[in-house]
Amino acid sequence: MNDAHRDGHVPSIALAVEATNTPKIGGGWLIFQTVRVQQPFWWAILGGLILVVYGFIPTFQPISNFGRVFAVYGGFFIVLSYAWGWLLSGERPDKGDYIGAGIALCGVLVAWFWPRKQKAAQPFHWTAPTVVLAVVLFLVAGLCEIGGGWLVWQAVREGKSAFWGAAGGVVLIAYGFVPTAQPILNFGRIYAVYGGFFIVLSYAWGWAVDRERPDAGDCIGALVAIAGVAVAFFFPR
């Protein structure tokens, strides 16, 4: 995705305003209340969790230009900060606040809705580095998912401490991010092909860690699966 708007549509300004700014301002406000107004400490914990949620929201914007998304969001942040302070803390903006916020908002609206030509998408071609990257990412994703699941399994089925399960949960969260680094954007194809690697790595993990040696049927089935996903992934398009 380039700077142009996806499918030629104007990005949703409502998402930039409500979904992004409210969690950031609200989370910061809760922490501010804890530190400066001596509210209970759980307010700060809640505020921190809300700020984590805020970090993900801009990733849903329909354009890929990080700088523009956050710059325009900043204009709305200015306006909503004043509104939040007025409504929840009784801090009524003065004339200078209104004028300054209005100018800033006009500036980001110009930046956001400025007419831009949509660039033609560049065709993707596999190269040796991208092939190596894709395979390595599939291996890392598989090890994270299988390793994380194995740690949870040990906690639940083998009576290990809850720490093992918690560690497994963290590893599984990390696994969720690994496929996003793949060099293509087709989600369904990425996960389908990853499934083939997952099959092979599951057998390998069971053999290496739990001494569950695959039999002939396991080996043949896994090889057929990995051959199938290799065709699907690297088929010339």
C-alpha atoms as a PDB file:
ATOM      1  CA  MET A   1       0.000   0.000   0.000  1.00  0.00           C
ATOM      2  CA  ASN A   2       1.316   3.430  -0.917  1.00  0.00           C
ATOM      3  CA  ASP A   3       0.334   6.931   0.135  1.00  0.00           C
ATOM      4  CA  ALA A   4      -2.800   6.798  -1.944  1.00  0.00           C
ATOM      5  CA  HIS A   5      -6.078   5.863  -0.345  1.00  0.00           C
ATOM      6  CA  ARG A   6      -7.030   2.232  -0.577  1.00  0.00           C
ATOM      7  CA  ASP A   7      -9.424   1.525  -3.463  1.00  0.00           C
ATOM      8  CA  GLY A   8      -9.624   5.249  -4.094  1.00  0.00           C
ATOM      9  CA  HIS A   9     -11.848   5.863  -1.064  1.00  0.00           C
ATOM     10  CA  VAL A  10     -11.357   8.679   1.423  1.00  0.00           C
ATOM     11  CA  PRO A  11     -10.037   7.335   4.764  1.00  0.00           C
ATOM     12  CA  SER A  12     -12.442   7.332   7.676  1.00  0.00           C
ATOM     13  CA  ILE A  13     -11.828  10.434   9.753  1.00  0.00           C
ATOM     14  CA  ALA A  14     -14.115   9.084  12.492  1.00  0.00           C
ATOM     15  CA  LEU A  15     -11.655   6.278  13.179  1.00  0.00           C
ATOM     16  CA  ALA A  16      -8.829   8.763  13.533  1.00  0.00           C
ATOM     17  CA  VAL A  17     -10.834  10.866  15.967  1.00  0.00           C
ATOM     18  CA  GLU A  18     -12.765   8.646  18.320  1.00  0.00           C
ATOM     19  CA  ALA A  19     -11.044   5.270  18.228  1.00  0.00           C
ATOM     20  CA  THR A  20      -7.491   6.587  18.508  1.00  0.00           C
ATOM     21  CA  ASN A  21      -7.661   9.732  20.618  1.00  0.00           C
ATOM     22  CA  THR A  22     -10.116   8.605  23.286  1.00  0.00           C
ATOM     23  CA  PRO A  23      -7.977   5.662  24.537  1.00  0.00           C
ATOM     24  CA  LYS A  24      -4.785   7.732  24.514  1.00  0.00           C
ATOM     25  CA  ILE A  25      -6.263  10.699  26.353  1.00  0.00           C
ATOM     26  CA  GLY A  26      -8.310   8.496  28.680  1.00  0.00           C
ATOM     27  CA  GLY A  27      -5.351   6.290  29.545  1.00  0.00           C
ATOM     28  CA  GLY A  28      -3.122   9.283  30.183  1.00  0.00           C
ATOM     29  CA  TRP A  29      -5.846  10.949  32.262  1.00  0.00           C
ATOM     30  CA  LEU A  30      -6.145   7.898  34.529  1.00  0.00           C
ATOM     31  CA  ILE A  31      -2.387   7.854  35.136  1.00  0.00           C
ATOM     32  CA  PHE A  32      -2.397  11.624  35.716  1.00  0.00           C
ATOM     33  CA  GLN A  33      -5.150  11.197  38.316  1.00  0.00           C
ATOM     34  CA  THR A  34      -3.117   8.561  40.134  1.00  0.00           C
ATOM     35  CA  VAL A  35       0.142  10.521  40.229  1.00  0.00           C
ATOM     36  CA  ARG A  36      -1.094  14.094  40.596  1.00  0.00           C
ATOM     37  CA  VAL A  37      -4.499  13.730  42.283  1.00  0.00           C
ATOM     38  CA  GLN A  38      -3.715  10.698  44.468  1.00  0.00           C
ATOM     39  CA  GLN A  39      -6.360   8.388  43.059  1.00  0.00           C
ATOM     40  CA  PRO A  40      -6.002   4.613  43.710  1.00  0.00           C
ATOM     41  CA  PHE A  41      -3.078   2.910  42.001  1.00  0.00           C
ATOM     42  CA  TRP A  42      -5.357   0.639  39.986  1.00  0.00           C
ATOM     43  CA  TRP A  43      -6.367   3.755  38.011  1.00  0.00           C
ATOM     44  CA  ALA A  44      -2.804   3.915  36.678  1.00  0.00           C
ATOM     45  CA  ILE A  45      -2.787   0.210  35.852  1.00  0.00           C
ATOM     46  CA  LEU A  46      -6.040   0.613  33.938  1.00  0.00           C
ATOM     47  CA  GLY A  47      -4.621   3.668  32.195  1.00  0.00           C
ATOM     48  CA  GLY A  48      -1.546   1.734  31.126  1.00  0.00           C
ATOM     49  CA  LEU A  49      -3.654  -1.061  29.663  1.00  0.00           C
ATOM     50  CA  ILE A  50      -5.746   1.443  27.729  1.00  0.00           C
ATOM     51  CA  LEU A  51      -2.574   3.023  26.322  1.00  0.00           C
ATOM     52  CA  VAL A  52      -1.473  -0.403  25.092  1.00  0.00           C
ATOM     53  CA  VAL A  53      -4.809  -0.712  23.260  1.00  0.00           C
ATOM     54  CA  TYR A  54      -4.312   2.763  21.805  1.00  0.00           C
ATOM     55  CA  GLY A  55      -1.014   1.684  20.261  1.00  0.00           C
ATOM     56  CA  PHE A  56      -2.776  -0.816  18.006  1.00  0.00           C
ATOM     57  CA  ILE A  57      -5.651   1.355  16.774  1.00  0.00           C
ATOM     58  CA  PRO A  58      -3.749   3.466  14.190  1.00  0.00           C
ATOM     59  CA  THR A  59      -2.690   0.247  12.442  1.00  0.00           C
ATOM     60  CA  PHE A  60      -6.286  -0.071  11.190  1.00  0.00           C
ATOM     61  CA  GLN A  61      -6.126   3.174   9.237  1.00  0.00           C
ATOM     62  CA  PRO A  62      -6.791   2.629   5.511  1.00  0.00           C
ATOM     63  CA  ILE A  63      -3.503   4.195   4.389  1.00  0.00           C
ATOM     64  CA  SER A  64       0.049   3.011   5.052  1.00  0.00           C
ATOM     65  CA  ASN A  65       1.790   6.377   5.443  1.00  0.00           C
ATOM     66  CA  PHE A  66       2.783   6.261   9.128  1.00  0.00           C
ATOM     67  CA  GLY A  67       3.912   9.876   9.303  1.00  0.00           C
ATOM     68  CA  ARG A  68       0.693  11.242   7.807  1.00  0.00           C
ATOM     69  CA  VAL A  69      -1.559   9.042   9.962  1.00  0.00           C
ATOM     70  CA  PHE A  70       0.098  10.159  13.190  1.00  0.00           C
ATOM     71  CA  ALA A  71       0.497  13.798  12.133  1.00  0.00           C
ATOM     72  CA  VAL A  72      -3.197  14.135  11.293  1.00  0.00           C
ATOM     73  CA  TYR A  73      -4.144  12.247  14.414  1.00  0.00           C
ATOM     74  CA  GLY A  74      -2.129  14.848  16.342  1.00  0.00           C
ATOM     75  CA  GLY A  75      -4.448  17.623  15.161  1.00  0.00           C
ATOM     76  CA  PHE A  76      -7.499  15.820  16.472  1.00  0.00           C
ATOM     77  CA  PHE A  77      -5.609  15.002  19.639  1.00  0.00           C
ATOM     78  CA  ILE A  78      -5.194  18.732  20.296  1.00  0.00           C
ATOM     79  CA  VAL A  79      -8.922  19.387  19.976  1.00  0.00           C
ATOM     80  CA  LEU A  80     -10.027  16.378  22.011  1.00  0.00           C
ATOM     81  CA  SER A  81      -7.481  17.119  24.750  1.00  0.00           C
ATOM     82  CA  TYR A  82      -9.139  20.473  25.325  1.00  0.00           C
ATOM     83  CA  ALA A  83     -12.591  18.844  25.208  1.00  0.00           C
ATOM     84  CA  TRP A  84     -11.562  16.155  27.690  1.00  0.00           C
ATOM     85  CA  GLY A  85     -10.028  18.671  30.086  1.00  0.00           C
ATOM     86  CA  TRP A  86     -13.187  20.795  29.958  1.00  0.00           C
ATOM     87  CA  LEU A  87     -15.674  17.938  30.399  1.00  0.00           C
ATOM     88  CA  LEU A  88     -13.854  15.867  33.016  1.00  0.00           C
ATOM     89  CA  SER A  89     -11.584  18.336  34.803  1.00  0.00           C
ATOM     90  CA  GLY A  90     -13.520  21.589  34.418  1.00  0.00           C
ATOM     91  CA  GLU A  91     -10.609  23.270  32.575  1.00  0.00           C
ATOM     92  CA  ARG A  92     -12.468  25.559  30.189  1.00  0.00           C
ATOM     93  CA  PRO A  93     -10.390  26.579  27.137  1.00  0.00           C
ATOM     94  CA  ASP A  94      -9.885  30.291  26.533  1.00  0.00           C
ATOM     95  CA  LYS A  95      -9.970  32.243  23.273  1.00  0.00           C
ATOM     96  CA  GLY A  96      -6.341  31.450  22.432  1.00  0.00           C
ATOM     97  CA  ASP A  97      -6.981  27.745  22.944  1.00  0.00           C
ATOM     98  CA  TYR A  98      -9.949  27.831  20.578  1.00  0.00           C
ATOM     99  CA  ILE A  99      -8.082  29.720  17.859  1.00  0.00           C
ATOM    100  CA  GLY A 100      -4.957  27.592  18.117  1.00  0.00           C
ATOM    101  CA  ALA A 101      -6.892  24.322  18.096  1.00  0.00           C
ATOM    102  CA  GLY A 102      -8.998  25.477  15.166  1.00  0.00           C
ATOM    103  CA  ILE A 103      -5.918  26.385  13.113  1.00  0.00           C
ATOM    104  CA  ALA A 104      -4.265  23.057  13.899  1.00  0.00           C
ATOM    105  CA  LEU A 105      -7.405  21.137  12.954  1.00  0.00           C
ATOM    106  CA  CYS A 106      -7.689  22.985   9.634  1.00  0.00           C
ATOM    107  CA  GLY A 107      -4.064  22.159   8.904  1.00  0.00           C
ATOM    108  CA  VAL A 108      -4.437  18.425   9.417  1.00  0.00           C
ATOM    109  CA  LEU A 109      -7.697  18.325   7.435  1.00  0.00           C
ATOM    110  CA  VAL A 110      -5.855  19.841   4.476  1.00  0.00           C
ATOM    111  CA  ALA A 111      -3.054  17.283   4.885  1.00  0.00           C
ATOM    112  CA  TRP A 112      -5.470  14.347   5.179  1.00  0.00           C
ATOM    113  CA  PHE A 113      -7.872  15.150   2.346  1.00  0.00           C
ATOM    114  CA  TRP A 114      -5.393  16.686  -0.101  1.00  0.00           C
ATOM    115  CA  PRO A 115      -6.051  15.076  -3.533  1.00  0.00           C
ATOM    116  CA  ARG A 116      -3.313  12.614  -4.416  1.00  0.00           C
ATOM    117  CA  LYS A 117      -2.839  10.368  -7.399  1.00  0.00           C
ATOM    118  CA  GLN A 118      -2.957   6.662  -6.680  1.00  0.00           C
ATOM    119  CA  LYS A 119       0.221   4.947  -7.741  1.00  0.00           C
ATOM    120  CA  ALA A 120       0.011   1.664  -9.584  1.00  0.00           C
ATOM    121  CA  ALA A 121       0.912  -1.310  -7.426  1.00  0.00           C
ATOM    122  CA  GLN A 122       4.327  -2.738  -8.212  1.00  0.00           C
ATOM    123  CA  PRO A 123       4.276  -6.451  -9.193  1.00  0.00           C
ATOM    124  CA  PHE A 124       5.949  -8.722  -6.674  1.00  0.00           C
ATOM    125  CA  HIS A 125       8.745 -11.046  -7.784  1.00  0.00           C
ATOM    126  CA  TRP A 126      10.460 -13.649  -5.651  1.00  0.00           C
ATOM    127  CA  THR A 127      14.193 -13.215  -5.188  1.00  0.00           C
ATOM    128  CA  ALA A 128      16.703 -15.322  -3.282  1.00  0.00           C
ATOM    129  CA  PRO A 129      16.645 -12.979  -0.229  1.00  0.00           C
ATOM    130  CA  THR A 130      12.823 -12.881  -0.070  1.00  0.00           C
ATOM    131  CA  VAL A 131      12.615 -16.666  -0.388  1.00  0.00           C
ATOM    132  CA  VAL A 132      15.075 -17.088   2.485  1.00  0.00           C
ATOM    133  CA  LEU A 133      13.209 -14.483   4.551  1.00  0.00           C
ATOM    134  CA  ALA A 134       9.855 -16.179   3.983  1.00  0.00           C
ATOM    135  CA  VAL A 135      11.177 -19.625   4.956  1.00  0.00           C
ATOM    136  CA  VAL A 136      12.935 -18.287   8.065  1.00  0.00           C
ATOM    137  CA  LEU A 137       9.773 -16.459   9.158  1.00  0.00           C
ATOM    138  CA  PHE A 138       7.693 -19.609   8.710  1.00  0.00           C
ATOM    139  CA  LEU A 139      10.194 -21.530  10.840  1.00  0.00           C
ATOM    140  CA  VAL A 140      10.241 -18.853  13.539  1.00  0.00           C
ATOM    141  CA  ALA A 141       6.444 -18.632  13.573  1.00  0.00           C
ATOM    142  CA  GLY A 142       6.159 -22.398  13.878  1.00  0.00           C
ATOM    143  CA  LEU A 143       8.675 -22.611  16.708  1.00  0.00           C
ATOM    144  CA  CYS A 144       6.878 -19.803  18.578  1.00  0.00           C
ATOM    145  CA  GLU A 145       3.433 -21.325  18.171  1.00  0.00           C
ATOM    146  CA  ILE A 146       4.476 -24.897  18.910  1.00  0.00           C
ATOM    147  CA  GLY A 147       6.837 -23.834  21.703  1.00  0.00           C
ATOM    148  CA  GLY A 148       4.213 -21.626  23.299  1.00  0.00           C
ATOM    149  CA  GLY A 149       1.575 -24.345  23.030  1.00  0.00           C
ATOM    150  CA  TRP A 150       4.018 -26.872  24.482  1.00  0.00           C
ATOM    151  CA  LEU A 151       4.667 -24.657  27.506  1.00  0.00           C
ATOM    152  CA  VAL A 152       0.932 -24.270  28.143  1.00  0.00           C
ATOM    153  CA  TRP A 153       0.521 -28.044  27.688  1.00  0.00           C
ATOM    154  CA  GLN A 154       3.199 -28.658  30.315  1.00  0.00           C
ATOM    155  CA  ALA A 155       1.388 -26.414  32.795  1.00  0.00           C
ATOM    156  CA  VAL A 156      -2.077 -27.897  32.206  1.00  0.00           C
ATOM    157  CA  ARG A 157      -1.399 -31.546  31.338  1.00  0.00           C
ATOM    158  CA  GLU A 158       1.954 -32.266  33.001  1.00  0.00           C
ATOM    159  CA  GLY A 159       1.459 -30.416  36.280  1.00  0.00           C
ATOM    160  CA  LYS A 160       4.215 -27.837  35.795  1.00  0.00           C
ATOM    161  CA  SER A 161       3.964 -24.441  37.519  1.00  0.00           C
ATOM    162  CA  ALA A 162       1.680 -21.687  36.252  1.00  0.00           C
ATOM    163  CA  PHE A 163       4.826 -19.814  35.164  1.00  0.00           C
ATOM    164  CA  TRP A 164       5.194 -22.284  32.301  1.00  0.00           C
ATOM    165  CA  GLY A 165       1.697 -21.477  31.112  1.00  0.00           C
ATOM    166  CA  ALA A 166       2.279 -17.737  31.424  1.00  0.00           C
ATOM    167  CA  ALA A 167       5.529 -18.004  29.487  1.00  0.00           C
ATOM    168  CA  GLY A 168       3.714 -20.006  26.829  1.00  0.00           C
ATOM    169  CA  GLY A 169       1.103 -17.263  26.541  1.00  0.00           C
ATOM    170  CA  VAL A 170       3.810 -14.643  25.978  1.00  0.00           C
ATOM    171  CA  VAL A 171       5.467 -16.783  23.290  1.00  0.00           C
ATOM    172  CA  LEU A 172       2.104 -17.295  21.559  1.00  0.00           C
ATOM    173  CA  ILE A 173       1.544 -13.536  21.499  1.00  0.00           C
ATOM    174  CA  ALA A 174       4.970 -13.127  19.882  1.00  0.00           C
ATOM    175  CA  TYR A 175       4.003 -15.763  17.305  1.00  0.00           C
ATOM    176  CA  GLY A 176       1.047 -13.640  16.270  1.00  0.00           C
ATOM    177  CA  PHE A 177       3.354 -10.868  15.101  1.00  0.00           C
ATOM    178  CA  VAL A 178       5.867 -12.972  13.150  1.00  0.00           C
ATOM    179  CA  PRO A 179       3.757 -13.560   9.995  1.00  0.00           C
ATOM    180  CA  THR A 180       3.218  -9.807   9.615  1.00  0.00           C
ATOM    181  CA  ALA A 181       6.850  -9.538   8.462  1.00  0.00           C
ATOM    182  CA  GLN A 182       6.264 -11.811   5.458  1.00  0.00           C
ATOM    183  CA  PRO A 183       7.171 -10.177   2.119  1.00  0.00           C
ATOM    184  CA  ILE A 184       3.662 -10.603   0.637  1.00  0.00           C
ATOM    185  CA  LEU A 185       0.343  -9.159   1.861  1.00  0.00           C
ATOM    186  CA  ASN A 186      -2.026 -12.071   1.086  1.00  0.00           C
ATOM    187  CA  PHE A 187      -3.125 -13.126   4.589  1.00  0.00           C
ATOM    188  CA  GLY A 188      -4.921 -16.299   3.530  1.00  0.00           C
ATOM    189  CA  ARG A 189      -1.983 -17.561   1.456  1.00  0.00           C
ATOM    190  CA  ILE A 190       0.547 -16.761   4.190  1.00  0.00           C
ATOM    191  CA  TYR A 191      -1.380 -18.684   6.839  1.00  0.00           C
ATOM    192  CA  ALA A 192      -2.247 -21.572   4.518  1.00  0.00           C
ATOM    193  CA  VAL A 193       1.408 -22.053   3.572  1.00  0.00           C
ATOM    194  CA  TYR A 194       2.475 -21.626   7.182  1.00  0.00           C
ATOM    195  CA  GLY A 195       0.163 -24.536   7.979  1.00  0.00           C
ATOM    196  CA  GLY A 196       2.388 -26.825   5.931  1.00  0.00           C
ATOM    197  CA  PHE A 197       5.470 -25.745   7.849  1.00  0.00           C
ATOM    198  CA  PHE A 198       3.504 -26.136  11.074  1.00  0.00           C
ATOM    199  CA  ILE A 199       2.796 -29.775  10.242  1.00  0.00           C
ATOM    200  CA  VAL A 200       6.467 -30.573   9.679  1.00  0.00           C
ATOM    201  CA  LEU A 201       7.665 -28.618  12.703  1.00  0.00           C
ATOM    202  CA  SER A 202       5.065 -30.235  14.970  1.00  0.00           C
ATOM    203  CA  TYR A 203       6.449 -33.664  14.142  1.00  0.00           C
ATOM    204  CA  ALA A 204      10.023 -32.390  14.540  1.00  0.00           C
ATOM    205  CA  TRP A 205       9.238 -30.857  17.941  1.00  0.00           C
ATOM    206  CA  GLY A 206       7.516 -34.001  19.190  1.00  0.00           C
ATOM    207  CA  TRP A 207      10.495 -36.089  18.102  1.00  0.00           C
ATOM    208  CA  ALA A 208      13.205 -33.763  19.468  1.00  0.00           C
ATOM    209  CA  VAL A 209      11.555 -32.762  22.757  1.00  0.00           C
ATOM    210  CA  ASP A 210       9.106 -35.546  23.669  1.00  0.00           C
ATOM    211  CA  ARG A 211      10.836 -38.449  21.846  1.00  0.00           C
ATOM    212  CA  GLU A 212       7.688 -39.119  19.779  1.00  0.00           C
ATOM    213  CA  ARG A 213       9.304 -40.483  16.629  1.00  0.00           C
ATOM    214  CA  PRO A 214       7.190 -40.048  13.475  1.00  0.00           C
ATOM    215  CA  ASP A 215       6.373 -43.204  11.530  1.00  0.00           C
ATOM    216  CA  ALA A 216       6.369 -43.669   7.749  1.00  0.00           C
ATOM    217  CA  GLY A 217       2.839 -42.330   7.389  1.00  0.00           C
ATOM    218  CA  ASP A 218       3.723 -39.194   9.348  1.00  0.00           C
ATOM    219  CA  CYS A 219       6.816 -38.537   7.255  1.00  0.00           C
ATOM    220  CA  ILE A 220       5.102 -39.110   3.915  1.00  0.00           C
ATOM    221  CA  GLY A 221       2.073 -37.014   4.877  1.00  0.00           C
ATOM    222  CA  ALA A 222       4.264 -34.157   6.099  1.00  0.00           C
ATOM    223  CA  LEU A 223       6.352 -34.188   2.927  1.00  0.00           C
ATOM    224  CA  VAL A 224       3.237 -34.122   0.754  1.00  0.00           C
ATOM    225  CA  ALA A 225       1.857 -31.207   2.780  1.00  0.00           C
ATOM    226  CA  ILE A 226       5.053 -29.155   2.579  1.00  0.00           C
ATOM    227  CA  ALA A 227       5.327 -29.817  -1.158  1.00  0.00           C
ATOM    228  CA  GLY A 228       1.761 -28.618  -1.649  1.00  0.00           C
ATOM    229  CA  VAL A 229       2.208 -25.354   0.237  1.00  0.00           C
ATOM    230  CA  ALA A 230       5.545 -24.710  -1.506  1.00  0.00           C
ATOM    231  CA  VAL A 231       3.739 -24.860  -4.857  1.00  0.00           C
ATOM    232  CA  ALA A 232       1.010 -22.552  -3.595  1.00  0.00           C
ATOM    233  CA  PHE A 233       3.444 -20.003  -2.174  1.00  0.00           C
ATOM    234  CA  PHE A 234       6.046 -19.819  -4.918  1.00  0.00           C
ATOM    235  CA  PHE A 235       3.766 -20.370  -7.922  1.00  0.00           C
ATOM    236  CA  PRO A 236       4.599 -17.683 -10.536  1.00  0.00           C
ATOM    237  CA  ARG A 237       1.924 -14.962 -10.601  1.00  0.00           C
END
